[in-house]
PDB file of all heavy atoms in Angstrom:
ATOM      1  N   GLY A   1      -9.949  -6.600  -0.040  1.00  0.00           N
ATOM      2  CA  GLY A   1      -9.520  -5.259   0.317  1.00  0.00           C
ATOM      3  C   GLY A   1      -8.353  -4.800  -0.546  1.00  0.00           C
ATOM      4  O   GLY A   1      -8.109  -5.325  -1.620  1.00  0.00           O
ATOM      5  N   CYS A   2      -7.619  -3.819  -0.047  1.00  0.00           N
ATOM      6  CA  CYS A   2      -6.503  -3.237  -0.778  1.00  0.00           C
ATOM      7  C   CYS A   2      -5.206  -3.410  -0.001  1.00  0.00           C
ATOM      8  O   CYS A   2      -5.229  -3.623   1.207  1.00  0.00           O
ATOM      9  CB  CYS A   2      -6.746  -1.751  -1.022  1.00  0.00           C
ATOM     10  SG  CYS A   2      -8.158  -1.430  -2.093  1.00  0.00           S
ATOM     11  N   GLU A   3      -4.093  -3.274  -0.714  1.00  0.00           N
ATOM     12  CA  GLU A   3      -2.785  -3.389  -0.073  1.00  0.00           C
ATOM     13  C   GLU A   3      -2.586  -2.320   0.992  1.00  0.00           C
ATOM     14  O   GLU A   3      -1.899  -2.542   1.977  1.00  0.00           O
ATOM     15  CB  GLU A   3      -1.674  -3.266  -1.109  1.00  0.00           C
ATOM     16  CG  GLU A   3      -1.561  -4.446  -2.019  1.00  0.00           C
ATOM     17  CD  GLU A   3      -0.473  -4.256  -3.044  1.00  0.00           C
ATOM     18  OE1 GLU A   3      -0.427  -3.201  -3.700  1.00  0.00           O
ATOM     19  OE2 GLU A   3       0.343  -5.183  -3.180  1.00  0.00           O
ATOM     20  N   GLY A   4      -3.161  -1.164   0.763  1.00  0.00           N
ATOM     21  CA  GLY A   4      -2.983  -0.085   1.726  1.00  0.00           C
ATOM     22  C   GLY A   4      -3.956   1.043   1.487  1.00  0.00           C
ATOM     23  O   GLY A   4      -4.798   1.006   0.588  1.00  0.00           O
ATOM     24  N   LYS A   5      -3.818   2.050   2.321  1.00  0.00           N
ATOM     25  CA  LYS A   5      -4.618   3.256   2.229  1.00  0.00           C
ATOM     26  C   LYS A   5      -3.666   4.428   2.383  1.00  0.00           C
ATOM     27  O   LYS A   5      -2.697   4.346   3.132  1.00  0.00           O
ATOM     28  CB  LYS A   5      -5.671   3.283   3.337  1.00  0.00           C
ATOM     29  CG  LYS A   5      -6.732   2.222   3.161  1.00  0.00           C
ATOM     30  CD  LYS A   5      -7.235   1.732   4.491  1.00  0.00           C
ATOM     31  CE  LYS A   5      -8.172   0.572   4.355  1.00  0.00           C
ATOM     32  NZ  LYS A   5      -7.647  -0.571   3.658  1.00  0.00           N
ATOM     33  N   GLY A   6      -3.943   5.518   1.682  1.00  0.00           N
ATOM     34  CA  GLY A   6      -3.026   6.643   1.774  1.00  0.00           C
ATOM     35  C   GLY A   6      -3.511   7.839   0.999  1.00  0.00           C
ATOM     36  O   GLY A   6      -4.698   7.982   0.725  1.00  0.00           O
ATOM     37  N   TYR A   7      -2.545   8.690   0.635  1.00  0.00           N
ATOM     38  CA  TYR A   7      -2.863   9.904  -0.108  1.00  0.00           C
ATOM     39  C   TYR A   7      -1.757  10.182  -1.122  1.00  0.00           C
ATOM     40  O   TYR A   7      -0.627   9.717  -0.978  1.00  0.00           O
ATOM     41  CB  TYR A   7      -3.017  11.108   0.829  1.00  0.00           C
ATOM     42  CG  TYR A   7      -1.694  11.626   1.350  1.00  0.00           C
ATOM     43  CD1 TYR A   7      -1.041  12.672   0.703  1.00  0.00           C
ATOM     44  CD2 TYR A   7      -1.083  11.049   2.450  1.00  0.00           C
ATOM     45  CE1 TYR A   7       0.175  13.126   1.161  1.00  0.00           C
ATOM     46  CE2 TYR A   7       0.130  11.500   2.914  1.00  0.00           C
ATOM     47  CZ  TYR A   7       0.757  12.544   2.259  1.00  0.00           C
ATOM     48  OH  TYR A   7       1.978  12.990   2.706  1.00  0.00           O
ATOM     49  N   SER A   8      -2.095  10.950  -2.130  1.00  0.00           N
ATOM     50  CA  SER A   8      -1.136  11.469  -3.100  1.00  0.00           C
ATOM     51  C   SER A   8      -1.523  12.898  -3.424  1.00  0.00           C
ATOM     52  O   SER A   8      -2.704  13.190  -3.620  1.00  0.00           O
ATOM     53  CB  SER A   8      -1.142  10.663  -4.398  1.00  0.00           C
ATOM     54  OG  SER A   8      -0.630   9.383  -4.197  1.00  0.00           O
ATOM     55  N   ILE A   9      -0.530  13.760  -3.479  1.00  0.00           N
ATOM     56  CA  ILE A   9      -0.736  15.138  -3.924  1.00  0.00           C
ATOM     57  C   ILE A   9      -0.023  15.269  -5.265  1.00  0.00           C
ATOM     58  O   ILE A   9       1.179  15.006  -5.362  1.00  0.00           O
ATOM     59  CB  ILE A   9      -0.162  16.161  -2.930  1.00  0.00           C
ATOM     60  CG1 ILE A   9      -0.831  16.013  -1.563  1.00  0.00           C
ATOM     61  CG2 ILE A   9      -0.331  17.580  -3.479  1.00  0.00           C
ATOM     62  CD1 ILE A   9      -0.202  16.877  -0.473  1.00  0.00           C
ATOM     63  N   VAL A  10      -0.777  15.648  -6.297  1.00  0.00           N
ATOM     64  CA  VAL A  10      -0.207  15.811  -7.632  1.00  0.00           C
ATOM     65  C   VAL A  10      -0.288  17.290  -8.001  1.00  0.00           C
ATOM     66  O   VAL A  10      -1.363  17.897  -7.941  1.00  0.00           O
ATOM     67  CB  VAL A  10      -0.944  14.935  -8.659  1.00  0.00           C
ATOM     68  CG1 VAL A  10      -0.422  15.176 -10.062  1.00  0.00           C
ATOM     69  CG2 VAL A  10      -0.802  13.466  -8.271  1.00  0.00           C
ATOM     70  N   TRP A  11       0.851  17.870  -8.348  1.00  0.00           N
ATOM     71  CA  TRP A  11       0.945  19.282  -8.714  1.00  0.00           C
ATOM     72  C   TRP A  11       1.673  19.367 -10.047  1.00  0.00           C
ATOM     73  O   TRP A  11       2.797  18.882 -10.167  1.00  0.00           O
ATOM     74  CB  TRP A  11       1.688  20.069  -7.631  1.00  0.00           C
ATOM     75  CG  TRP A  11       1.704  21.533  -7.885  1.00  0.00           C
ATOM     76  CD1 TRP A  11       2.698  22.256  -8.477  1.00  0.00           C
ATOM     77  CD2 TRP A  11       0.680  22.473  -7.564  1.00  0.00           C
ATOM     78  NE1 TRP A  11       2.354  23.577  -8.554  1.00  0.00           N
ATOM     79  CE2 TRP A  11       1.113  23.738  -7.992  1.00  0.00           C
ATOM     80  CE3 TRP A  11      -0.566  22.354  -6.963  1.00  0.00           C
ATOM     81  CZ2 TRP A  11       0.344  24.880  -7.833  1.00  0.00           C
ATOM     82  CZ3 TRP A  11      -1.329  23.497  -6.807  1.00  0.00           C
ATOM     83  CH2 TRP A  11      -0.875  24.740  -7.230  1.00  0.00           C
ATOM     84  N   ASN A  12       1.047  19.953 -11.027  1.00  0.00           N
ATOM     85  CA  ASN A  12       1.612  20.107 -12.367  1.00  0.00           C
ATOM     86  C   ASN A  12       2.027  18.757 -12.961  1.00  0.00           C
ATOM     87  O   ASN A  12       3.065  18.637 -13.612  1.00  0.00           O
ATOM     88  CB  ASN A  12       2.772  21.099 -12.376  1.00  0.00           C
ATOM     89  CG  ASN A  12       3.065  21.602 -13.768  1.00  0.00           C
ATOM     90  OD1 ASN A  12       2.204  21.584 -14.630  1.00  0.00           O
ATOM     91  ND2 ASN A  12       4.292  22.042 -13.991  1.00  0.00           N
ATOM     92  N   GLY A  13       1.254  17.725 -12.691  1.00  0.00           N
ATOM     93  CA  GLY A  13       1.480  16.406 -13.254  1.00  0.00           C
ATOM     94  C   GLY A  13       2.493  15.548 -12.518  1.00  0.00           C
ATOM     95  O   GLY A  13       2.730  14.414 -12.892  1.00  0.00           O
ATOM     96  N   SER A  14       3.103  16.074 -11.452  1.00  0.00           N
ATOM     97  CA  SER A  14       4.095  15.313 -10.684  1.00  0.00           C
ATOM     98  C   SER A  14       3.590  15.056  -9.272  1.00  0.00           C
ATOM     99  O   SER A  14       2.991  15.949  -8.650  1.00  0.00           O
ATOM    100  CB  SER A  14       5.415  16.088 -10.588  1.00  0.00           C
ATOM    101  OG  SER A  14       5.966  16.266 -11.859  1.00  0.00           O
ATOM    102  N   THR A  15       3.849  13.870  -8.767  1.00  0.00           N
ATOM    103  CA  THR A  15       3.494  13.564  -7.382  1.00  0.00           C
ATOM    104  C   THR A  15       4.502  14.268  -6.483  1.00  0.00           C
ATOM    105  O   THR A  15       5.695  13.987  -6.549  1.00  0.00           O
ATOM    106  CB  THR A  15       3.515  12.047  -7.130  1.00  0.00           C
ATOM    107  OG1 THR A  15       2.579  11.430  -8.010  1.00  0.00           O
ATOM    108  CG2 THR A  15       3.154  11.727  -5.683  1.00  0.00           C
ATOM    109  N   VAL A  16       4.014  15.204  -5.670  1.00  0.00           N
ATOM    110  CA  VAL A  16       4.908  15.978  -4.798  1.00  0.00           C
ATOM    111  C   VAL A  16       4.907  15.445  -3.368  1.00  0.00           C
ATOM    112  O   VAL A  16       5.827  15.742  -2.608  1.00  0.00           O
ATOM    113  CB  VAL A  16       4.560  17.488  -4.823  1.00  0.00           C
ATOM    114  CG1 VAL A  16       4.812  18.065  -6.214  1.00  0.00           C
ATOM    115  CG2 VAL A  16       3.119  17.737  -4.400  1.00  0.00           C
ATOM    116  N   ALA A  17       3.904  14.682  -3.006  1.00  0.00           N
ATOM    117  CA  ALA A  17       3.855  14.048  -1.679  1.00  0.00           C
ATOM    118  C   ALA A  17       2.916  12.853  -1.769  1.00  0.00           C
ATOM    119  O   ALA A  17       1.878  12.918  -2.416  1.00  0.00           O
ATOM    120  CB  ALA A  17       3.373  15.024  -0.616  1.00  0.00           C
ATOM    121  N   SER A  18       3.302  11.770  -1.117  1.00  0.00           N
ATOM    122  CA  SER A  18       2.484  10.562  -1.145  1.00  0.00           C
ATOM    123  C   SER A  18       2.900   9.666   0.010  1.00  0.00           C
ATOM    124  O   SER A  18       4.085   9.610   0.358  1.00  0.00           O
ATOM    125  CB  SER A  18       2.683   9.825  -2.472  1.00  0.00           C
ATOM    126  OG  SER A  18       1.860   8.695  -2.535  1.00  0.00           O
ATOM    127  N   LYS A  19       1.943   8.989   0.594  1.00  0.00           N
ATOM    128  CA  LYS A  19       2.247   8.029   1.654  1.00  0.00           C
ATOM    129  C   LYS A  19       1.158   6.971   1.665  1.00  0.00           C
ATOM    130  O   LYS A  19      -0.012   7.280   1.465  1.00  0.00           O
ATOM    131  CB  LYS A  19       2.323   8.704   3.003  1.00  0.00           C
ATOM    132  CG  LYS A  19       2.671   7.727   4.117  1.00  0.00           C
ATOM    133  CD  LYS A  19       3.164   8.422   5.339  1.00  0.00           C
ATOM    134  CE  LYS A  19       3.422   7.410   6.427  1.00  0.00           C
ATOM    135  NZ  LYS A  19       4.805   7.100   6.603  1.00  0.00           N
ATOM    136  N   MET A  20       1.567   5.723   1.886  1.00  0.00           N
ATOM    137  CA  MET A  20       0.620   4.629   1.993  1.00  0.00           C
ATOM    138  C   MET A  20       0.884   3.892   3.289  1.00  0.00           C
ATOM    139  O   MET A  20       2.026   3.613   3.627  1.00  0.00           O
ATOM    140  CB  MET A  20       0.773   3.660   0.812  1.00  0.00           C
ATOM    141  CG  MET A  20      -0.227   2.512   0.854  1.00  0.00           C
ATOM    142  SD  MET A  20      -0.203   1.469  -0.617  1.00  0.00           S
ATOM    143  CE  MET A  20       1.095   0.327  -0.193  1.00  0.00           C
ATOM    144  N   TRP A  21      -0.187   3.602   4.026  1.00  0.00           N
ATOM    145  CA  TRP A  21      -0.105   2.817   5.250  1.00  0.00           C
ATOM    146  C   TRP A  21      -0.679   1.439   4.961  1.00  0.00           C
ATOM    147  O   TRP A  21      -1.684   1.312   4.263  1.00  0.00           O
ATOM    148  CB  TRP A  21      -0.889   3.477   6.381  1.00  0.00           C
ATOM    149  CG  TRP A  21      -0.306   4.761   6.846  1.00  0.00           C
ATOM    150  CD1 TRP A  21       0.656   4.929   7.806  1.00  0.00           C
ATOM    151  CD2 TRP A  21      -0.646   6.081   6.402  1.00  0.00           C
ATOM    152  NE1 TRP A  21       0.931   6.269   7.977  1.00  0.00           N
ATOM    153  CE2 TRP A  21       0.153   7.007   7.129  1.00  0.00           C
ATOM    154  CE3 TRP A  21      -1.532   6.594   5.454  1.00  0.00           C
ATOM    155  CZ2 TRP A  21       0.080   8.373   6.942  1.00  0.00           C
ATOM    156  CZ3 TRP A  21      -1.603   7.953   5.264  1.00  0.00           C
ATOM    157  CH2 TRP A  21      -0.805   8.818   6.007  1.00  0.00           C
ATOM    158  N   THR A  22      -0.054   0.405   5.496  1.00  0.00           N
ATOM    159  CA  THR A  22      -0.545  -0.955   5.293  1.00  0.00           C
ATOM    160  C   THR A  22      -1.054  -1.520   6.612  1.00  0.00           C
ATOM    161  O   THR A  22      -0.787  -0.971   7.676  1.00  0.00           O
ATOM    162  CB  THR A  22       0.560  -1.871   4.730  1.00  0.00           C
ATOM    163  OG1 THR A  22       1.647  -1.890   5.648  1.00  0.00           O
ATOM    164  CG2 THR A  22       1.030  -1.387   3.378  1.00  0.00           C
ATOM    165  N   GLY A  23      -1.765  -2.629   6.519  1.00  0.00           N
ATOM    166  CA  GLY A  23      -2.331  -3.241   7.709  1.00  0.00           C
ATOM    167  C   GLY A  23      -3.660  -2.603   8.057  1.00  0.00           C
ATOM    168  O   GLY A  23      -4.156  -1.708   7.379  1.00  0.00           O
ATOM    169  N   TYR A  24      -4.253  -3.080   9.143  1.00  0.00           N
ATOM    170  CA  TYR A  24      -5.553  -2.565   9.558  1.00  0.00           C
ATOM    171  C   TYR A  24      -5.420  -1.129  10.054  1.00  0.00           C
ATOM    172  O   TYR A  24      -4.535  -0.808  10.837  1.00  0.00           O
ATOM    173  CB  TYR A  24      -6.165  -3.418  10.670  1.00  0.00           C
ATOM    174  CG  TYR A  24      -7.456  -2.813  11.175  1.00  0.00           C
ATOM    175  CD1 TYR A  24      -8.636  -2.978  10.456  1.00  0.00           C
ATOM    176  CD2 TYR A  24      -7.475  -2.038  12.329  1.00  0.00           C
ATOM    177  CE1 TYR A  24      -9.814  -2.393  10.887  1.00  0.00           C
ATOM    178  CE2 TYR A  24      -8.647  -1.449  12.761  1.00  0.00           C
ATOM    179  CZ  TYR A  24      -9.814  -1.627  12.038  1.00  0.00           C
ATOM    180  OH  TYR A  24     -10.974  -1.039  12.462  1.00  0.00           O
ATOM    181  N   ILE A  25      -6.293  -0.273   9.574  1.00  0.00           N
ATOM    182  CA  ILE A  25      -6.349   1.123  10.031  1.00  0.00           C
ATOM    183  C   ILE A  25      -7.811   1.485  10.217  1.00  0.00           C
ATOM    184  O   ILE A  25      -8.618   1.330   9.299  1.00  0.00           O
ATOM    185  CB  ILE A  25      -5.723   2.089   9.015  1.00  0.00           C
ATOM    186  CG1 ILE A  25      -4.261   1.739   8.733  1.00  0.00           C
ATOM    187  CG2 ILE A  25      -5.827   3.532   9.514  1.00  0.00           C
ATOM    188  CD1 ILE A  25      -3.641   2.542   7.617  1.00  0.00           C
ATOM    189  N   ASP A  26      -8.153   1.970  11.388  1.00  0.00           N
ATOM    190  CA  ASP A  26      -9.485   2.486  11.655  1.00  0.00           C
ATOM    191  C   ASP A  26      -9.691   3.737  10.795  1.00  0.00           C
ATOM    192  O   ASP A  26      -8.774   4.543  10.609  1.00  0.00           O
ATOM    193  CB  ASP A  26      -9.586   2.829  13.152  1.00  0.00           C
ATOM    194  CG  ASP A  26     -10.904   3.455  13.492  1.00  0.00           C
ATOM    195  OD1 ASP A  26     -11.905   2.726  13.571  1.00  0.00           O
ATOM    196  OD2 ASP A  26     -10.925   4.694  13.669  1.00  0.00           O
ATOM    197  N   ARG A  27     -10.885   3.901  10.266  1.00  0.00           N
ATOM    198  CA  ARG A  27     -11.167   5.037   9.375  1.00  0.00           C
ATOM    199  C   ARG A  27     -10.855   6.384  10.030  1.00  0.00           C
ATOM    200  O   ARG A  27     -10.260   7.269   9.414  1.00  0.00           O
ATOM    201  CB  ARG A  27     -12.627   4.986   8.924  1.00  0.00           C
ATOM    202  CG  ARG A  27     -12.971   6.019   7.881  1.00  0.00           C
ATOM    203  CD  ARG A  27     -14.412   5.891   7.429  1.00  0.00           C
ATOM    204  NE  ARG A  27     -14.679   4.673   6.719  1.00  0.00           N
ATOM    205  CZ  ARG A  27     -14.515   4.521   5.400  1.00  0.00           C
ATOM    206  NH1 ARG A  27     -14.086   5.520   4.680  1.00  0.00           N
ATOM    207  NH2 ARG A  27     -14.788   3.381   4.822  1.00  0.00           N
ATOM    208  N   THR A  28     -11.251   6.561  11.278  1.00  0.00           N
ATOM    209  CA  THR A  28     -10.989   7.822  11.979  1.00  0.00           C
ATOM    210  C   THR A  28      -9.496   8.063  12.132  1.00  0.00           C
ATOM    211  O   THR A  28      -9.008   9.176  11.881  1.00  0.00           O
ATOM    212  CB  THR A  28     -11.672   7.812  13.361  1.00  0.00           C
ATOM    213  OG1 THR A  28     -13.073   7.585  13.173  1.00  0.00           O
ATOM    214  CG2 THR A  28     -11.469   9.129  14.085  1.00  0.00           C
ATOM    215  N   ASP A  29      -8.747   7.038  12.522  1.00  0.00           N
ATOM    216  CA  ASP A  29      -7.292   7.167  12.652  1.00  0.00           C
ATOM    217  C   ASP A  29      -6.645   7.464  11.306  1.00  0.00           C
ATOM    218  O   ASP A  29      -5.716   8.268  11.212  1.00  0.00           O
ATOM    219  CB  ASP A  29      -6.684   5.895  13.241  1.00  0.00           C
ATOM    220  CG  ASP A  29      -7.098   5.657  14.679  1.00  0.00           C
ATOM    221  OD1 ASP A  29      -7.532   6.625  15.343  1.00  0.00           O
ATOM    222  OD2 ASP A  29      -6.996   4.503  15.136  1.00  0.00           O
ATOM    223  N   PHE A  30      -7.140   6.807  10.265  1.00  0.00           N
ATOM    224  CA  PHE A  30      -6.583   7.021   8.928  1.00  0.00           C
ATOM    225  C   PHE A  30      -6.715   8.479   8.512  1.00  0.00           C
ATOM    226  O   PHE A  30      -5.743   9.105   8.084  1.00  0.00           O
ATOM    227  CB  PHE A  30      -7.282   6.105   7.907  1.00  0.00           C
ATOM    228  CG  PHE A  30      -6.969   6.444   6.482  1.00  0.00           C
ATOM    229  CD1 PHE A  30      -5.693   6.239   5.975  1.00  0.00           C
ATOM    230  CD2 PHE A  30      -7.933   6.962   5.640  1.00  0.00           C
ATOM    231  CE1 PHE A  30      -5.390   6.551   4.661  1.00  0.00           C
ATOM    232  CE2 PHE A  30      -7.645   7.272   4.330  1.00  0.00           C
ATOM    233  CZ  PHE A  30      -6.379   7.065   3.840  1.00  0.00           C
ATOM    234  N   TYR A  31      -7.906   9.040   8.636  1.00  0.00           N
ATOM    235  CA  TYR A  31      -8.094  10.424   8.207  1.00  0.00           C
ATOM    236  C   TYR A  31      -7.318  11.397   9.093  1.00  0.00           C
ATOM    237  O   TYR A  31      -6.851  12.428   8.606  1.00  0.00           O
ATOM    238  CB  TYR A  31      -9.584  10.776   8.110  1.00  0.00           C
ATOM    239  CG  TYR A  31     -10.188  10.201   6.856  1.00  0.00           C
ATOM    240  CD1 TYR A  31     -10.981   9.068   6.897  1.00  0.00           C
ATOM    241  CD2 TYR A  31      -9.913  10.750   5.613  1.00  0.00           C
ATOM    242  CE1 TYR A  31     -11.507   8.512   5.753  1.00  0.00           C
ATOM    243  CE2 TYR A  31     -10.426  10.206   4.448  1.00  0.00           C
ATOM    244  CZ  TYR A  31     -11.224   9.087   4.529  1.00  0.00           C
ATOM    245  OH  TYR A  31     -11.728   8.537   3.377  1.00  0.00           O
ATOM    246  N   SER A  32      -7.125  11.081  10.355  1.00  0.00           N
ATOM    247  CA  SER A  32      -6.284  11.918  11.215  1.00  0.00           C
ATOM    248  C   SER A  32      -4.835  11.910  10.729  1.00  0.00           C
ATOM    249  O   SER A  32      -4.177  12.956  10.682  1.00  0.00           O
ATOM    250  CB  SER A  32      -6.339  11.436  12.664  1.00  0.00           C
ATOM    251  OG  SER A  32      -7.614  11.634  13.198  1.00  0.00           O
ATOM    252  N   MET A  33      -4.324  10.729  10.351  1.00  0.00           N
ATOM    253  CA  MET A  33      -2.951  10.621   9.850  1.00  0.00           C
ATOM    254  C   MET A  33      -2.800  11.343   8.514  1.00  0.00           C
ATOM    255  O   MET A  33      -1.806  12.044   8.285  1.00  0.00           O
ATOM    256  CB  MET A  33      -2.543   9.152   9.712  1.00  0.00           C
ATOM    257  CG  MET A  33      -2.416   8.439  11.037  1.00  0.00           C
ATOM    258  SD  MET A  33      -1.781   6.755  10.942  1.00  0.00           S
ATOM    259  CE  MET A  33      -2.951   5.942   9.887  1.00  0.00           C
ATOM    260  N   VAL A  34      -3.776  11.187   7.624  1.00  0.00           N
ATOM    261  CA  VAL A  34      -3.722  11.853   6.323  1.00  0.00           C
ATOM    262  C   VAL A  34      -3.751  13.370   6.496  1.00  0.00           C
ATOM    263  O   VAL A  34      -2.953  14.095   5.897  1.00  0.00           O
ATOM    264  CB  VAL A  34      -4.880  11.397   5.409  1.00  0.00           C
ATOM    265  CG1 VAL A  34      -5.029  12.303   4.199  1.00  0.00           C
ATOM    266  CG2 VAL A  34      -4.671   9.962   4.976  1.00  0.00           C
ATOM    267  N   ASN A  35      -4.664  13.868   7.321  1.00  0.00           N
ATOM    268  CA  ASN A  35      -4.760  15.311   7.519  1.00  0.00           C
ATOM    269  C   ASN A  35      -3.478  15.880   8.118  1.00  0.00           C
ATOM    270  O   ASN A  35      -3.008  16.942   7.701  1.00  0.00           O
ATOM    271  CB  ASN A  35      -5.969  15.652   8.379  1.00  0.00           C
ATOM    272  CG  ASN A  35      -7.266  15.427   7.638  1.00  0.00           C
ATOM    273  OD1 ASN A  35      -7.312  15.481   6.414  1.00  0.00           O
ATOM    274  ND2 ASN A  35      -8.325  15.153   8.363  1.00  0.00           N
ATOM    275  N   ALA A  36      -2.883  15.195   9.068  1.00  0.00           N
ATOM    276  CA  ALA A  36      -1.610  15.653   9.656  1.00  0.00           C
ATOM    277  C   ALA A  36      -0.512  15.664   8.605  1.00  0.00           C
ATOM    278  O   ALA A  36       0.289  16.616   8.535  1.00  0.00           O
ATOM    279  CB  ALA A  36      -1.222  14.765  10.832  1.00  0.00           C
ATOM    280  N   ALA A  37      -0.447  14.629   7.775  1.00  0.00           N
ATOM    281  CA  ALA A  37       0.588  14.558   6.740  1.00  0.00           C
ATOM    282  C   ALA A  37       0.410  15.668   5.706  1.00  0.00           C
ATOM    283  O   ALA A  37       1.378  16.323   5.312  1.00  0.00           O
ATOM    284  CB  ALA A  37       0.560  13.189   6.071  1.00  0.00           C
TER     285      ALA A  37
END
C-alpha cells in the first residue's frame, strides 16, 4: 500500500492546499474528508 491518502490543490504551479491522512481509512470516509477539506 501507500504511506497515506490525501489531496493536493495546485494553482499556478504552487501547492496552495494539501493534506495527507495515514493509517487505515475507509474509502467512503476518505472522500468525505477530502470533499470537506
